[in-house]
Amino acid sequence: MDCIFCEIIKGNIPSTKVYEDEFVTAFNDLNPQMPVHVLIVPKKHIASANDIAEEDAELVGRVFLAAQKIAEKLGLENGYRIINNCGEDAGQTVKHLHFHMLGGKTMGERII
């Protein structure tokens, strides 16, 4: 398997990690779209949201528990947005389930 996020999780590719536990790794996006732009990645390789299996439900929940800790650590007390791109038409470029945490300034209600 040739997955850049798996290589980051293993430590084979450098990244600026902001959080890690036994289930999740989170690191700064190399092309940030907001003052805070973190990628939250489950350590288990799952290609996309369409590939989440029943046994992955707890793991996906742990992603959102990690998001709470990351937001607190990064001072996002006024809120943040979490986005998942699922599939080519949605702009998913890395075929490993991941969530973009965006924050650090007011975004308003529009998503795009």
Protein backbone atom coordinates (compact mmCIF):
# COMPACT_ATOMS: atom_id res chain seq x y z
CA MET A 1 0.00 0.00 0.00
CA ASP A 2 1.37 3.41 -0.93
CA CYS A 3 -0.44 5.83 1.41
CA ILE A 4 1.17 9.09 2.45
CA PHE A 5 -0.96 9.31 5.62
CA CYS A 6 0.05 5.78 6.67
CA GLU A 7 3.68 6.83 6.21
CA ILE A 8 3.13 9.96 8.32
CA ILE A 9 1.46 7.86 11.03
CA LYS A 10 4.46 5.49 11.04
CA GLY A 11 6.84 8.47 11.30
CA ASN A 12 8.46 7.77 7.93
CA ILE A 13 7.40 11.18 6.57
CA PRO A 14 7.88 14.25 8.76
CA SER A 15 4.89 16.26 9.88
CA THR A 16 4.00 18.74 12.58
CA LYS A 17 1.88 16.57 14.83
CA VAL A 18 -0.51 18.36 17.16
CA TYR A 19 -2.10 15.26 18.71
CA GLU A 20 -1.61 11.52 18.84
CA ASP A 21 -3.10 8.62 20.76
CA GLU A 22 -3.41 4.90 20.06
CA PHE A 23 -6.23 5.45 17.52
CA VAL A 24 -5.67 8.86 15.91
CA THR A 25 -2.90 11.09 14.61
CA ALA A 26 -3.44 14.79 13.89
CA PHE A 27 -1.03 17.10 12.13
CA ASN A 28 -0.96 20.52 10.50
CA ASP A 29 -2.04 20.67 6.86
CA LEU A 30 0.81 21.65 4.52
CA ASN A 31 -1.52 23.99 2.61
CA PRO A 32 -3.61 25.64 5.34
CA GLN A 33 -6.89 27.26 4.35
CA MET A 34 -7.43 28.91 7.77
CA PRO A 35 -5.18 30.03 10.63
CA VAL A 36 -5.75 26.56 12.12
CA HIS A 37 -5.95 23.70 9.62
CA VAL A 38 -5.32 20.29 11.12
CA LEU A 39 -5.83 16.89 9.52
CA ILE A 40 -7.26 14.30 11.91
CA VAL A 41 -6.49 10.79 10.67
CA PRO A 42 -7.43 7.42 12.14
CA LYS A 43 -4.39 5.18 12.37
CA LYS A 44 -6.29 2.32 10.75
CA HIS A 45 -6.24 2.66 6.97
CA ILE A 46 -9.78 3.19 5.70
CA ALA A 47 -9.92 4.54 2.15
CA SER A 48 -12.91 6.89 2.57
CA ALA A 49 -16.12 7.49 4.48
CA ASN A 50 -17.77 5.06 2.07
CA ASP A 51 -15.45 2.33 3.34
CA ILE A 52 -16.24 2.66 7.06
CA ALA A 53 -17.41 -0.72 8.32
CA GLU A 54 -19.60 -1.50 11.32
CA GLU A 55 -16.51 -2.41 13.36
CA ASP A 56 -15.04 1.07 12.64
CA ALA A 57 -17.87 2.95 14.38
CA GLU A 58 -15.96 3.32 17.66
CA LEU A 59 -12.83 4.43 15.82
CA VAL A 60 -14.72 7.20 14.00
CA GLY A 61 -16.16 8.30 17.34
CA ARG A 62 -12.63 8.51 18.70
CA VAL A 63 -11.76 10.90 15.87
CA PHE A 64 -14.35 13.33 17.22
CA LEU A 65 -13.22 12.85 20.83
CA ALA A 66 -9.71 13.71 19.63
CA ALA A 67 -11.11 16.77 17.85
CA GLN A 68 -12.40 18.11 21.16
CA LYS A 69 -8.94 17.73 22.73
CA ILE A 70 -7.23 19.31 19.72
CA ALA A 71 -9.62 22.27 19.72
CA GLU A 72 -8.96 22.88 23.41
CA LYS A 73 -5.19 22.57 22.94
CA LEU A 74 -5.22 25.01 19.99
CA GLY A 75 -7.51 27.55 21.67
CA LEU A 76 -10.51 27.14 19.39
CA GLU A 77 -12.98 28.01 22.14
CA ASN A 78 -15.16 30.01 19.72
CA GLY A 79 -15.63 27.02 17.44
CA TYR A 80 -14.24 25.14 14.49
CA ARG A 81 -15.40 23.32 11.39
CA ILE A 82 -14.75 19.67 10.55
CA ILE A 83 -14.91 18.62 6.91
CA ASN A 84 -14.55 15.22 5.28
CA ASN A 85 -14.08 14.93 1.53
CA CYS A 86 -15.41 11.58 0.31
CA GLY A 87 -14.43 10.61 -3.21
CA GLU A 88 -12.95 12.30 -6.23
CA ASP A 89 -15.86 14.68 -6.94
CA ALA A 90 -15.62 15.97 -3.36
CA GLY A 91 -11.90 16.64 -3.72
CA GLN A 92 -10.52 13.69 -1.76
CA THR A 93 -6.92 13.49 -2.93
CA VAL A 94 -5.53 11.10 -0.31
CA LYS A 95 -7.35 7.79 -0.17
CA HIS A 96 -7.18 7.51 3.62
CA LEU A 97 -10.13 8.64 5.72
CA HIS A 98 -9.32 12.03 7.24
CA PHE A 99 -11.04 15.08 8.62
CA HIS A 100 -10.03 18.71 8.17
CA MET A 101 -10.33 20.80 11.34
CA LEU A 102 -10.53 24.48 10.38
CA GLY A 103 -10.63 27.40 12.77
CA GLY A 104 -8.93 30.46 14.12
CA LYS A 105 -11.24 33.04 12.55
CA THR A 106 -14.92 33.58 11.89
CA MET A 107 -16.15 31.61 8.88
CA GLY A 108 -19.86 32.33 8.80
CA GLU A 109 -22.50 29.86 7.68
CA ARG A 110 -21.33 29.33 4.10
CA ILE A 111 -19.33 26.16 3.62
CA ILE A 112 -17.78 27.15 0.28
